[in-house]
Amino acid sequence: MATKKPPRRTAERILEVTLDLFNRFGEPNVSTTLISAELGISPGNLYYHYPAKDELINSLFNRYERELNELLGAAENVRHVEDAWLFFHMLFELVWKHRFLYRDLNDLLSKNRRLEMHFQSVLNQKGQAMRNVLSGLQHGGALKMDAREAGPSANAMVVLLSYWLSYEYVRDPRHALEPEQANAALMRGAFHVLSLLLPYLEPESKEHLFALANKYQS
């Protein structure tokens, strides 16, 4: 006789399917009815685990926030351009994995008070991580930047990280967020952020950055 999956497994499966649907169609276009149909379960079973759509959104955001906090800690280890390239590529991978949050960011924040509060914390954490990246690159000899320039540069990097996905969408609304576009989009995102540092990079580091970008483009 088949054993019944424990509730936690069902709850995890609901989140996985919901994340996929939100990413594919955008959160405003996905109803709980669609989610339950995609899962092949009754709406009542879905409501048992997540009584409201906001609870699904909040649970997915909690996942994202945990992964983000872990990743941002790695900013302290960046010393060279290649370290920074890997760090930002991983950061954009995480954004891509939870891209529904960014494609519908303003709409989500206007409807969900918890997200509104927590996303301000996310911005602050990203800002600190960007300052750590700049400091690490300076200590590694890859970058030369006046202390007064570090704050505005870190803020510009956070803005790009937060709205990069909107830019990608505007470039190609019909295809930008499709999975097959991920690799090229992640590379562009990493290079876009690091290109903000071009005026400050030492010549050898600047050439290394261009070489990395060319390698991944080809």
Protein backbone atom coordinates (compact mmCIF):
# COMPACT_ATOMS: atom_id res chain seq x y z
CA MET A 1 0.00 0.00 0.00
CA ALA A 2 1.36 3.41 -0.98
CA THR A 3 2.33 5.60 1.93
CA LYS A 4 0.95 9.08 2.13
CA LYS A 5 3.47 11.90 1.80
CA PRO A 6 3.86 13.89 5.01
CA PRO A 7 2.39 17.40 5.03
CA ARG A 8 5.79 19.04 4.80
CA ARG A 9 6.47 17.35 1.46
CA THR A 10 3.15 18.58 0.13
CA ALA A 11 3.84 22.10 1.36
CA GLU A 12 7.27 22.09 -0.31
CA ARG A 13 5.80 20.82 -3.57
CA ILE A 14 3.19 23.57 -3.50
CA LEU A 15 5.94 26.19 -3.14
CA GLU A 16 8.01 24.70 -5.97
CA VAL A 17 5.07 24.69 -8.38
CA THR A 18 3.96 28.16 -7.27
CA LEU A 19 7.45 29.56 -7.85
CA ASP A 20 7.51 28.08 -11.34
CA LEU A 21 4.09 29.53 -12.20
CA PHE A 22 4.91 32.96 -10.73
CA ASN A 23 8.16 33.04 -12.70
CA ARG A 24 6.51 31.99 -15.95
CA PHE A 25 3.40 34.14 -15.88
CA GLY A 26 3.97 36.78 -13.20
CA GLU A 27 2.40 36.70 -9.75
CA PRO A 28 -0.63 38.90 -10.64
CA ASN A 29 -1.59 36.45 -13.41
CA VAL A 30 -1.51 33.31 -11.25
CA SER A 31 -4.51 32.43 -9.09
CA THR A 32 -4.68 29.84 -6.34
CA THR A 33 -7.13 27.95 -8.56
CA LEU A 34 -4.45 27.69 -11.25
CA ILE A 35 -1.89 26.56 -8.69
CA SER A 36 -4.10 23.79 -7.33
CA ALA A 37 -4.96 22.66 -10.88
CA GLU A 38 -1.28 22.54 -11.83
CA LEU A 39 -0.58 20.46 -8.72
CA GLY A 40 -3.56 18.18 -9.30
CA ILE A 41 -4.91 18.82 -5.81
CA SER A 42 -8.13 20.35 -4.54
CA PRO A 43 -8.26 24.05 -3.63
CA GLY A 44 -9.09 22.92 -0.09
CA ASN A 45 -5.82 20.98 0.12
CA LEU A 46 -3.93 24.07 -1.03
CA TYR A 47 -5.72 26.29 1.50
CA TYR A 48 -4.91 23.79 4.26
CA HIS A 49 -1.20 24.54 3.80
CA TYR A 50 -1.44 28.15 2.61
CA PRO A 51 -4.78 29.79 3.51
CA ALA A 52 -4.06 32.90 1.40
CA LYS A 53 -2.03 33.76 -1.66
CA ASP A 54 0.04 36.21 0.39
CA GLU A 55 1.23 33.30 2.52
CA LEU A 56 2.62 31.64 -0.61
CA ILE A 57 4.36 34.87 -1.59
CA ASN A 58 5.76 35.39 1.92
CA SER A 59 7.03 31.80 2.13
CA LEU A 60 8.80 32.13 -1.22
CA PHE A 61 10.27 35.46 -0.15
CA ASN A 62 11.52 33.86 3.09
CA ARG A 63 13.38 31.29 0.98
CA TYR A 64 14.86 33.99 -1.18
CA GLU A 65 15.91 36.10 1.81
CA ARG A 66 17.67 33.15 3.49
CA GLU A 67 19.61 32.32 0.34
CA LEU A 68 20.42 35.98 -0.25
CA ASN A 69 21.78 36.51 3.27
CA GLU A 70 24.03 33.49 2.88
CA LEU A 71 25.31 34.67 -0.49
CA LEU A 72 25.87 38.30 0.51
CA GLY A 73 28.25 37.12 3.21
CA ALA A 74 30.61 36.03 0.43
CA ALA A 75 31.10 39.68 -0.57
CA GLU A 76 33.74 39.96 2.15
CA ASN A 77 35.92 37.43 0.26
CA VAL A 78 36.06 39.39 -3.02
CA ARG A 79 39.57 40.62 -3.76
CA HIS A 80 39.96 40.38 -7.55
CA VAL A 81 37.86 40.93 -10.66
CA GLU A 82 37.34 37.19 -11.13
CA ASP A 83 36.04 36.91 -7.55
CA ALA A 84 33.63 39.78 -8.25
CA TRP A 85 32.50 38.22 -11.53
CA LEU A 86 31.66 34.94 -9.80
CA PHE A 87 29.94 36.71 -6.91
CA PHE A 88 27.68 38.80 -9.15
CA HIS A 89 26.93 35.88 -11.44
CA MET A 90 25.74 33.90 -8.41
CA LEU A 91 23.76 36.89 -7.20
CA PHE A 92 21.99 37.23 -10.52
CA GLU A 93 21.34 33.48 -10.55
CA LEU A 94 19.49 33.93 -7.27
CA VAL A 95 17.52 36.89 -8.67
CA TRP A 96 16.67 34.80 -11.72
CA LYS A 97 15.56 31.86 -9.57
CA HIS A 98 13.07 34.19 -7.83
CA ARG A 99 12.50 36.51 -10.77
CA PHE A 100 8.78 36.94 -10.07
CA LEU A 101 9.78 39.13 -7.11
CA TYR A 102 11.66 41.49 -9.39
CA ARG A 103 9.44 41.48 -12.46
CA ASP A 104 6.45 42.48 -10.32
CA LEU A 105 8.37 44.25 -7.55
CA ASN A 106 6.45 47.54 -7.33
CA ASP A 107 3.10 45.79 -7.58
CA LEU A 108 4.02 43.26 -4.89
CA LEU A 109 5.27 45.93 -2.50
CA SER A 110 2.10 47.99 -2.94
CA LYS A 111 -0.06 45.01 -1.93
CA ASN A 112 2.04 43.27 0.71
CA ARG A 113 3.09 45.23 3.79
CA ARG A 114 5.46 42.52 5.00
CA LEU A 115 7.35 42.52 1.71
CA GLU A 116 7.44 46.31 1.74
CA MET A 117 9.19 46.29 5.12
CA HIS A 118 11.52 43.38 4.40
CA PHE A 119 12.60 44.58 0.99
CA GLN A 120 13.92 47.77 2.57
CA SER A 121 16.12 45.50 4.69
CA VAL A 122 17.18 43.64 1.54
CA LEU A 123 18.27 46.93 -0.04
CA ASN A 124 20.31 47.79 3.04
CA GLN A 125 21.97 44.37 3.07
CA LYS A 126 22.80 44.63 -0.63
CA GLY A 127 24.24 48.10 -0.06
CA GLN A 128 26.55 46.83 2.67
CA ALA A 129 27.60 43.90 0.48
CA MET A 130 28.44 46.27 -2.39
CA ARG A 131 30.58 48.38 -0.06
CA ASN A 132 32.35 45.19 1.04
CA VAL A 133 33.01 44.30 -2.59
CA LEU A 134 34.49 47.73 -3.28
CA SER A 135 36.62 47.58 -0.16
CA GLY A 136 37.83 44.08 -1.01
CA LEU A 137 38.77 45.05 -4.56
CA GLN A 138 40.72 48.00 -3.21
CA HIS A 139 42.60 45.81 -0.73
CA GLY A 140 43.32 43.32 -3.51
CA GLY A 141 44.84 46.05 -5.67
CA ALA A 142 42.21 45.74 -8.41
CA LEU A 143 40.51 49.06 -7.76
CA LYS A 144 41.40 52.60 -6.82
CA MET A 145 38.49 54.69 -5.54
CA ASP A 146 38.17 57.76 -3.35
CA ALA A 147 36.30 57.04 -0.12
CA ARG A 148 33.69 59.65 -1.10
CA GLU A 149 32.92 57.70 -4.29
CA ALA A 150 32.30 54.36 -2.59
CA GLY A 151 28.82 55.17 -1.22
CA PRO A 152 27.32 56.49 -4.49
CA SER A 153 28.93 53.63 -6.44
CA ALA A 154 27.51 51.04 -4.04
CA ASN A 155 24.05 52.63 -4.33
CA ALA A 156 24.24 52.59 -8.13
CA MET A 157 25.13 48.89 -8.01
CA VAL A 158 22.12 48.17 -5.78
CA VAL A 159 19.80 50.05 -8.16
CA LEU A 160 21.08 48.01 -11.08
CA LEU A 161 20.72 44.76 -9.15
CA SER A 162 17.15 45.65 -8.19
CA TYR A 163 15.88 46.77 -11.59
CA TRP A 164 18.08 44.84 -13.98
CA LEU A 165 15.28 42.37 -14.70
CA SER A 166 12.94 45.19 -15.75
CA TYR A 167 15.57 46.36 -18.21
CA GLU A 168 15.92 42.85 -19.62
CA TYR A 169 12.16 42.62 -19.98
CA VAL A 170 11.90 45.93 -21.83
CA ARG A 171 14.65 44.82 -24.22
CA ASP A 172 12.64 41.78 -25.31
CA PRO A 173 9.21 41.47 -23.64
CA ARG A 174 8.23 38.25 -25.40
CA HIS A 175 11.34 36.24 -24.58
CA ALA A 176 13.43 37.96 -21.87
CA LEU A 177 12.20 35.88 -18.93
CA GLU A 178 12.17 32.50 -20.65
CA PRO A 179 14.53 29.88 -19.17
CA GLU A 180 16.59 29.55 -22.36
CA GLN A 181 17.54 33.23 -22.03
CA ALA A 182 18.97 32.77 -18.54
CA ASN A 183 22.66 32.24 -19.31
CA ALA A 184 23.01 35.27 -21.57
CA ALA A 185 20.93 37.42 -19.22
CA LEU A 186 23.01 36.47 -16.18
CA MET A 187 26.22 37.30 -18.00
CA ARG A 188 24.87 40.69 -19.05
CA GLY A 189 23.75 41.41 -15.52
CA ALA A 190 27.14 40.61 -14.00
CA PHE A 191 28.93 42.72 -16.60
CA HIS A 192 26.48 45.63 -16.25
CA VAL A 193 27.15 45.91 -12.53
CA LEU A 194 30.92 45.54 -12.85
CA SER A 195 31.02 48.01 -15.75
CA LEU A 196 30.08 50.70 -13.23
CA LEU A 197 33.58 50.19 -11.84
CA LEU A 198 35.45 50.59 -15.13
CA PRO A 199 36.63 54.14 -14.36
CA TYR A 200 38.17 52.90 -11.10
CA LEU A 201 39.71 49.58 -12.11
CA GLU A 202 43.45 49.26 -12.51
CA PRO A 203 44.44 48.65 -16.18
CA GLU A 204 45.19 44.95 -15.69
CA SER A 205 41.92 44.36 -13.85
CA LYS A 206 39.98 46.28 -16.49
CA GLU A 207 41.42 44.10 -19.26
CA HIS A 208 40.66 41.00 -17.23
CA LEU A 209 37.03 42.08 -16.88
CA PHE A 210 36.68 42.57 -20.63
CA ALA A 211 38.30 39.17 -21.21
CA LEU A 212 35.83 37.50 -18.86
CA ALA A 213 32.88 39.18 -20.59
CA ASN A 214 34.14 38.18 -24.04
CA LYS A 215 34.71 34.61 -22.90
CA TYR A 216 31.14 34.21 -21.65
CA GLN A 217 29.62 36.02 -24.63
CA SER A 218 31.29 33.58 -27.00
